[in-house]
Amino acid sequence: MARRKNAKRSEPVPAKSRERPVKPWNESEIVDAFTRFQKAEPAPKGELRHKDAFTLLVAVVLSAQATDAGVNKATPALFEAADTPQKMVRLGEAKLRDLIKTIGLYRTKAKNVIALSHKLIGEFGGKVPDNHEALESLPGVGRKTANVVLNIAFGEPAIAVDTHIFRVSNRTGLAPGKNVLEVELGLLKRVPDRFKLHAHHWLILHGRYVCKARLPDCPRCLISDLCHWPEKRV
């Protein structure tokens, strides 16, 4: 396998699928696909650099409508200066803006990061909460961001559907859906429990590096024989 909102509105939502509807995978095909992913990369990792749950949360908020690579260029200096909610508040919005100005929507994101840091201190004892409702109450945090944090920081079998996972799920027949929530619920229902912890990373990396929106690399795809997409190039 290849290596690889503002408050709520800062978190992008993939448009409705433009892929032609395909026949959904059966149980055997799903098990076969994830068995291959697991064999190729038993313990996939996210590509956002972070130290702990707080720095992960900040990195994910900063990554909305931006690339992981772009965020990773800015966060080393940021986390050197402020790697806790208390330090982030002391850093202040103006200095934070200066440290992340290479990232898209940096003004809104800086405001959200300072606001969520205040809320973490005031309502959660300075700790990142480990449940959906609390996470989504934080400025700049939507369902996708909450799912990423729950999966990576707390080991929950959550699946954060971004544009890559949305595309792979619809294109292949894994879990077709008209919107992000449909795809997420479909994946949670269809993916066997033993694969759920890493399903998010396997799918996002596959969509990012192999099953790309333009010119998907079908000849290099681990699951090309299972894929139901009529336009696959094999």
Protein backbone atom coordinates (compact mmCIF):
# COMPACT_ATOMS: atom_id res chain seq x y z
CA MET A 1 0.00 0.00 0.00
CA ALA A 2 1.32 3.44 -0.89
CA ARG A 3 2.54 5.75 1.89
CA ARG A 4 1.44 7.65 1.82
CA LYS A 5 -16.64 24.84 11.45
CA ASN A 6 -16.14 29.52 11.19
CA ALA A 7 -16.51 27.23 13.71
CA LYS A 8 -18.38 24.47 11.97
CA ARG A 9 -18.18 25.89 8.45
CA SER A 10 -14.38 25.82 8.41
CA GLU A 11 -14.54 22.05 8.11
CA PRO A 12 -15.11 21.13 4.45
CA VAL A 13 -17.78 18.68 3.41
CA PRO A 14 -17.35 16.70 0.19
CA ALA A 15 -19.92 17.46 -2.45
CA LYS A 16 -22.42 14.83 -3.46
CA SER A 17 -20.75 11.97 -5.24
CA ARG A 18 -20.17 12.59 -8.94
CA GLU A 19 -19.32 8.96 -9.50
CA ARG A 20 -21.85 6.83 -11.32
CA PRO A 21 -23.70 4.53 -8.88
CA VAL A 22 -22.05 1.13 -8.60
CA LYS A 23 -23.08 -2.17 -7.10
CA PRO A 24 -22.21 -2.26 -3.38
CA TRP A 25 -19.61 -4.78 -2.25
CA ASN A 26 -20.74 -7.94 -0.54
CA GLU A 27 -19.39 -9.06 2.82
CA SER A 28 -16.75 -11.29 1.28
CA GLU A 29 -15.40 -8.49 -0.90
CA ILE A 30 -15.17 -6.13 2.09
CA VAL A 31 -13.25 -8.67 4.17
CA ASP A 32 -10.95 -9.42 1.23
CA ALA A 33 -10.18 -5.72 0.65
CA PHE A 34 -9.37 -4.91 4.28
CA THR A 35 -7.36 -8.09 4.68
CA ARG A 36 -5.17 -6.85 1.82
CA PHE A 37 -4.85 -3.38 3.34
CA GLN A 38 -3.90 -4.92 6.67
CA LYS A 39 -1.31 -7.21 5.14
CA ALA A 40 0.27 -4.34 3.19
CA GLU A 41 0.35 -1.97 6.17
CA PRO A 42 -0.60 -3.51 9.52
CA ALA A 43 -0.45 -0.27 11.54
CA PRO A 44 -1.10 2.77 9.32
CA LYS A 45 -0.51 6.21 10.80
CA GLY A 46 -1.94 9.64 10.19
CA GLU A 47 0.33 12.12 8.48
CA LEU A 48 -0.33 15.16 10.69
CA ARG A 49 2.54 15.66 13.13
CA HIS A 50 1.50 15.97 16.76
CA LYS A 51 2.66 15.23 20.29
CA ASP A 52 -0.57 14.45 22.12
CA ALA A 53 -4.34 14.87 21.98
CA PHE A 54 -4.20 18.68 22.19
CA THR A 55 -1.62 19.16 19.45
CA LEU A 56 -3.48 16.63 17.31
CA LEU A 57 -6.72 18.57 17.80
CA VAL A 58 -5.02 21.81 16.81
CA ALA A 59 -3.37 20.22 13.78
CA VAL A 60 -6.65 18.77 12.55
CA VAL A 61 -8.43 22.11 12.97
CA LEU A 62 -5.64 23.77 10.99
CA SER A 63 -5.85 21.13 8.26
CA ALA A 64 -9.39 22.05 7.17
CA GLN A 65 -9.20 23.03 3.49
CA ALA A 66 -5.40 22.67 3.65
CA THR A 67 -2.91 19.89 3.04
CA ASP A 68 -1.30 17.86 5.80
CA ALA A 69 2.09 18.75 4.32
CA GLY A 70 1.32 22.45 4.57
CA VAL A 71 0.15 22.13 8.16
CA ASN A 72 3.24 20.09 9.07
CA LYS A 73 5.48 22.93 7.90
CA ALA A 74 3.85 25.36 10.33
CA THR A 75 3.22 23.26 13.43
CA PRO A 76 6.78 22.53 14.63
CA ALA A 77 7.37 26.19 15.49
CA LEU A 78 3.82 26.53 16.79
CA PHE A 79 4.04 23.54 19.10
CA GLU A 80 7.47 24.62 20.28
CA ALA A 81 5.86 27.84 21.44
CA ALA A 82 2.51 26.47 22.61
CA ASP A 83 1.72 22.79 23.08
CA THR A 84 -0.93 23.11 25.79
CA PRO A 85 -4.19 25.11 25.96
CA GLN A 86 -2.68 27.35 28.63
CA LYS A 87 0.39 28.17 26.53
CA MET A 88 -1.80 28.72 23.46
CA VAL A 89 -3.91 31.28 25.32
CA ARG A 90 -0.77 33.04 26.54
CA LEU A 91 0.62 33.02 23.00
CA GLY A 92 -2.41 34.98 21.85
CA GLU A 93 -4.26 35.25 18.59
CA ALA A 94 -1.92 37.74 16.91
CA LYS A 95 1.23 35.66 17.45
CA LEU A 96 -0.66 32.50 16.50
CA ARG A 97 -1.74 34.11 13.24
CA ASP A 98 1.86 34.92 12.45
CA LEU A 99 2.96 31.34 13.05
CA ILE A 100 0.28 29.79 10.83
CA LYS A 101 -0.06 32.45 8.12
CA THR A 102 1.13 30.01 5.44
CA ILE A 103 -2.04 27.93 6.01
CA GLY A 104 -5.28 28.78 4.26
CA LEU A 105 -7.96 30.55 6.32
CA TYR A 106 -5.34 31.21 9.00
CA ARG A 107 -7.19 34.16 10.55
CA THR A 108 -10.34 32.16 11.22
CA LYS A 109 -8.34 29.16 12.35
CA ALA A 110 -6.28 31.24 14.78
CA LYS A 111 -9.46 32.63 16.30
CA ASN A 112 -10.89 29.12 16.65
CA VAL A 113 -7.73 27.65 18.20
CA ILE A 114 -7.58 30.38 20.83
CA ALA A 115 -11.31 30.01 21.53
CA LEU A 116 -11.15 26.22 21.84
CA SER A 117 -8.12 26.54 24.13
CA HIS A 118 -10.10 28.86 26.42
CA LYS A 119 -12.99 26.40 26.42
CA LEU A 120 -10.75 23.43 27.16
CA ILE A 121 -9.36 25.28 30.18
CA GLY A 122 -12.71 26.60 31.39
CA GLU A 123 -14.90 23.56 30.86
CA PHE A 124 -12.69 20.50 30.53
CA GLY A 125 -9.83 21.05 32.94
CA GLY A 126 -7.40 21.72 30.12
CA LYS A 127 -7.90 18.23 28.71
CA VAL A 128 -9.20 17.22 25.30
CA PRO A 129 -12.52 15.42 25.85
CA ASP A 130 -12.98 11.89 24.57
CA ASN A 131 -16.55 12.01 23.31
CA HIS A 132 -18.32 13.37 20.24
CA GLU A 133 -20.67 15.81 21.93
CA ALA A 134 -17.94 17.56 23.91
CA LEU A 135 -15.51 17.69 21.01
CA GLU A 136 -18.10 19.14 18.65
CA SER A 137 -18.89 21.85 21.19
CA LEU A 138 -15.39 23.28 20.60
CA PRO A 139 -14.95 26.16 18.12
CA GLY A 140 -13.77 24.95 14.72
CA VAL A 141 -14.53 21.30 15.47
CA GLY A 142 -17.07 19.40 13.40
CA ARG A 143 -17.91 15.73 13.11
CA LYS A 144 -14.95 14.86 10.89
CA THR A 145 -12.41 16.53 13.20
CA ALA A 146 -13.99 14.85 16.22
CA ASN A 147 -13.74 11.48 14.52
CA VAL A 148 -10.05 11.98 13.72
CA VAL A 149 -9.26 12.89 17.33
CA LEU A 150 -11.30 10.02 18.74
CA ASN A 151 -9.60 7.56 16.41
CA ILE A 152 -5.99 8.67 16.73
CA ALA A 153 -5.81 10.08 20.25
CA PHE A 154 -8.24 7.75 22.01
CA GLY A 155 -8.16 4.58 19.91
CA GLU A 156 -11.85 4.68 19.07
CA PRO A 157 -13.01 2.85 15.90
CA ALA A 158 -14.27 6.10 14.40
CA ILE A 159 -14.11 6.81 10.68
CA ALA A 160 -13.65 10.41 9.58
CA VAL A 161 -15.03 10.74 6.08
CA ASP A 162 -13.09 13.30 4.08
CA THR A 163 -13.10 13.83 0.33
CA HIS A 164 -10.74 10.87 -0.21
CA ILE A 165 -12.75 8.36 1.81
CA PHE A 166 -15.98 9.68 0.31
CA ARG A 167 -14.60 9.11 -3.20
CA VAL A 168 -13.18 5.64 -2.51
CA SER A 169 -16.36 4.47 -0.81
CA ASN A 170 -18.56 5.57 -3.70
CA ARG A 171 -16.21 4.71 -6.56
CA THR A 172 -15.39 1.16 -5.52
CA GLY A 173 -18.77 0.10 -4.12
CA LEU A 174 -17.44 -0.27 -0.56
CA ALA A 175 -20.06 1.97 1.05
CA PRO A 176 -21.89 4.15 -1.48
CA GLY A 177 -23.66 7.19 -0.07
CA LYS A 178 -25.10 10.49 -1.24
CA ASN A 179 -23.44 12.50 1.53
CA VAL A 180 -20.72 12.27 4.15
CA LEU A 181 -22.93 10.99 6.95
CA GLU A 182 -24.42 8.27 4.75
CA VAL A 183 -20.95 7.06 3.85
CA GLU A 184 -19.73 7.18 7.46
CA LEU A 185 -22.71 5.22 8.75
CA GLY A 186 -22.38 2.78 5.88
CA LEU A 187 -18.73 2.15 6.68
CA LEU A 188 -19.41 1.70 10.38
CA LYS A 189 -22.12 -0.82 9.53
CA ARG A 190 -20.25 -2.73 6.82
CA VAL A 191 -16.61 -2.79 7.91
CA PRO A 192 -15.95 -5.73 10.27
CA ASP A 193 -15.01 -4.73 13.80
CA ARG A 194 -11.52 -6.18 13.54
CA PHE A 195 -10.67 -3.66 10.80
CA LYS A 196 -12.43 -0.54 12.10
CA LEU A 197 -9.61 0.96 14.15
CA HIS A 198 -7.38 1.39 11.10
CA ALA A 199 -10.07 1.65 8.39
CA HIS A 200 -9.86 5.47 8.43
CA HIS A 201 -6.15 5.51 7.64
CA TRP A 202 -6.20 2.70 5.11
CA LEU A 203 -8.94 4.41 3.13
CA ILE A 204 -7.61 7.96 3.32
CA LEU A 205 -4.11 6.91 2.27
CA HIS A 206 -5.53 4.79 -0.54
CA GLY A 207 -7.60 7.72 -1.78
CA ARG A 208 -4.76 10.21 -1.41
CA TYR A 209 -2.08 8.23 -3.21
CA VAL A 210 -3.75 5.57 -5.36
CA CYS A 211 -7.48 6.09 -5.94
CA LYS A 212 -6.99 9.77 -6.77
CA ALA A 213 -9.73 12.01 -8.11
CA ARG A 214 -7.82 12.57 -11.32
CA LEU A 215 -5.90 9.77 -13.02
CA PRO A 216 -6.34 7.09 -10.34
CA ASP A 217 -3.42 4.67 -10.33
CA CYS A 218 -5.53 1.58 -10.97
CA PRO A 219 -2.61 -0.64 -12.09
CA ARG A 220 -1.02 -0.15 -8.64
CA CYS A 221 -4.27 -0.62 -6.72
CA LEU A 222 -4.43 -3.45 -4.18
CA ILE A 223 -8.15 -3.89 -4.70
CA SER A 224 -8.58 -3.21 -8.42
CA ASP A 225 -10.07 -6.65 -9.06
CA LEU A 226 -12.72 -5.99 -6.40
CA CYS A 227 -13.51 -2.44 -7.51
CA HIS A 228 -16.86 -2.02 -9.29
CA TRP A 229 -16.01 1.32 -10.87
CA PRO A 230 -16.75 1.02 -14.61
CA GLU A 231 -13.98 3.49 -15.51
CA LYS A 232 -11.11 1.77 -13.71
CA ARG A 233 -7.98 1.66 -15.86
CA VAL A 234 -6.92 -1.99 -15.76
